[in-house]
């Protein structure tokens, strides 16, 4: 019998990770371990959030593609 259920666990340390692996192996449940993705640089994220807030507060400027091209001339 096969199910479409997926469990995602977030072990806090290697002890928990090893315990989960042992349980899954004992129950003959297929599993895979993936490394957590590294988050964006927090300074970069803060800049993006600030710029969006500034734009929504009317501190931004919209330019056309022609205006941008004129800067290179």
C-alpha atoms as a PDB file:
ATOM      1  CA  UNK A   1       0.000   0.000   0.000  1.00  0.00           C
ATOM      2  CA  UNK A   2       1.302   3.437  -0.896  1.00  0.00           C
ATOM      3  CA  UNK A   3       0.205   6.812   0.386  1.00  0.00           C
ATOM      4  CA  UNK A   4       0.859  10.305  -0.864  1.00  0.00           C
ATOM      5  CA  UNK A   5       1.562  11.691   2.599  1.00  0.00           C
ATOM      6  CA  UNK A   6       4.822  13.505   3.167  1.00  0.00           C
ATOM      7  CA  UNK A   7       6.214  14.371   6.574  1.00  0.00           C
ATOM      8  CA  UNK A   8       8.696  17.183   7.011  1.00  0.00           C
ATOM      9  CA  UNK A   9      10.626  17.145  10.268  1.00  0.00           C
ATOM     10  CA  UNK A  10      12.981  19.809  11.570  1.00  0.00           C
ATOM     11  CA  UNK A  11      15.387  18.143  14.000  1.00  0.00           C
ATOM     12  CA  UNK A  12      17.132  20.660  16.234  1.00  0.00           C
ATOM     13  CA  UNK A  13      20.392  18.735  16.542  1.00  0.00           C
ATOM     14  CA  UNK A  14      22.300  15.658  15.351  1.00  0.00           C
ATOM     15  CA  UNK A  15      20.890  13.507  18.159  1.00  0.00           C
ATOM     16  CA  UNK A  16      17.345  14.104  16.933  1.00  0.00           C
ATOM     17  CA  UNK A  17      18.403  13.587  13.326  1.00  0.00           C
ATOM     18  CA  UNK A  18      20.033  10.244  14.117  1.00  0.00           C
ATOM     19  CA  UNK A  19      16.995   9.126  16.135  1.00  0.00           C
ATOM     20  CA  UNK A  20      14.660   9.925  13.237  1.00  0.00           C
ATOM     21  CA  UNK A  21      16.907   8.043  10.813  1.00  0.00           C
ATOM     22  CA  UNK A  22      16.980   5.006  13.115  1.00  0.00           C
ATOM     23  CA  UNK A  23      13.187   4.946  13.479  1.00  0.00           C
ATOM     24  CA  UNK A  24      12.600   5.263   9.740  1.00  0.00           C
ATOM     25  CA  UNK A  25      15.147   2.554   8.966  1.00  0.00           C
ATOM     26  CA  UNK A  26      13.588   0.233  11.570  1.00  0.00           C
ATOM     27  CA  UNK A  27      10.154   0.731   9.995  1.00  0.00           C
ATOM     28  CA  UNK A  28      11.635   0.294   6.495  1.00  0.00           C
ATOM     29  CA  UNK A  29      10.317   3.693   5.426  1.00  0.00           C
ATOM     30  CA  UNK A  30      12.116   5.321   2.514  1.00  0.00           C
ATOM     31  CA  UNK A  31      13.477   8.749   3.379  1.00  0.00           C
ATOM     32  CA  UNK A  32      15.928  11.357   2.240  1.00  0.00           C
ATOM     33  CA  UNK A  33      17.841  13.998   4.124  1.00  0.00           C
ATOM     34  CA  UNK A  34      18.353  17.413   2.584  1.00  0.00           C
ATOM     35  CA  UNK A  35      20.373  20.294   3.904  1.00  0.00           C
ATOM     36  CA  UNK A  36      18.371  23.365   4.811  1.00  0.00           C
ATOM     37  CA  UNK A  37      18.694  26.143   2.284  1.00  0.00           C
ATOM     38  CA  UNK A  38      20.712  29.088   3.449  1.00  0.00           C
ATOM     39  CA  UNK A  39      18.624  32.238   3.790  1.00  0.00           C
ATOM     40  CA  UNK A  40      19.438  35.411   1.940  1.00  0.00           C
ATOM     41  CA  UNK A  41      21.870  37.783   3.528  1.00  0.00           C
ATOM     42  CA  UNK A  42      19.818  39.611   6.181  1.00  0.00           C
ATOM     43  CA  UNK A  43      21.337  42.992   5.272  1.00  0.00           C
ATOM     44  CA  UNK A  44      20.240  42.455   1.659  1.00  0.00           C
ATOM     45  CA  UNK A  45      16.740  41.443   2.756  1.00  0.00           C
ATOM     46  CA  UNK A  46      16.434  44.552   4.950  1.00  0.00           C
ATOM     47  CA  UNK A  47      17.424  46.779   2.018  1.00  0.00           C
ATOM     48  CA  UNK A  48      14.788  45.195  -0.226  1.00  0.00           C
ATOM     49  CA  UNK A  49      12.078  45.563   2.434  1.00  0.00           C
ATOM     50  CA  UNK A  50      13.050  49.205   3.061  1.00  0.00           C
ATOM     51  CA  UNK A  51      13.038  50.028  -0.660  1.00  0.00           C
ATOM     52  CA  UNK A  52       9.553  48.521  -1.081  1.00  0.00           C
ATOM     53  CA  UNK A  53       8.267  50.532   1.884  1.00  0.00           C
ATOM     54  CA  UNK A  54       9.868  53.697   0.492  1.00  0.00           C
ATOM     55  CA  UNK A  55       8.310  53.139  -2.925  1.00  0.00           C
ATOM     56  CA  UNK A  56       4.871  52.476  -1.428  1.00  0.00           C
ATOM     57  CA  UNK A  57       5.255  55.677   0.620  1.00  0.00           C
ATOM     58  CA  UNK A  58       5.690  57.668  -2.603  1.00  0.00           C
ATOM     59  CA  UNK A  59       9.462  58.013  -2.397  1.00  0.00           C
ATOM     60  CA  UNK A  60      10.045  56.155  -5.658  1.00  0.00           C
ATOM     61  CA  UNK A  61      10.195  57.261  -9.238  1.00  0.00           C
ATOM     62  CA  UNK A  62       8.985  55.421 -12.312  1.00  0.00           C
ATOM     63  CA  UNK A  63      10.951  55.760 -15.528  1.00  0.00           C
ATOM     64  CA  UNK A  64      10.285  54.416 -18.984  1.00  0.00           C
ATOM     65  CA  UNK A  65      12.634  52.231 -20.951  1.00  0.00           C
ATOM     66  CA  UNK A  66      13.239  55.130 -23.346  1.00  0.00           C
ATOM     67  CA  UNK A  67      14.306  57.333 -20.425  1.00  0.00           C
ATOM     68  CA  UNK A  68      16.770  54.670 -19.312  1.00  0.00           C
ATOM     69  CA  UNK A  69      18.148  54.305 -22.829  1.00  0.00           C
ATOM     70  CA  UNK A  70      18.612  58.088 -23.030  1.00  0.00           C
ATOM     71  CA  UNK A  71      20.951  57.890 -20.028  1.00  0.00           C
ATOM     72  CA  UNK A  72      23.419  55.868 -22.109  1.00  0.00           C
ATOM     73  CA  UNK A  73      23.480  58.351 -24.979  1.00  0.00           C
END
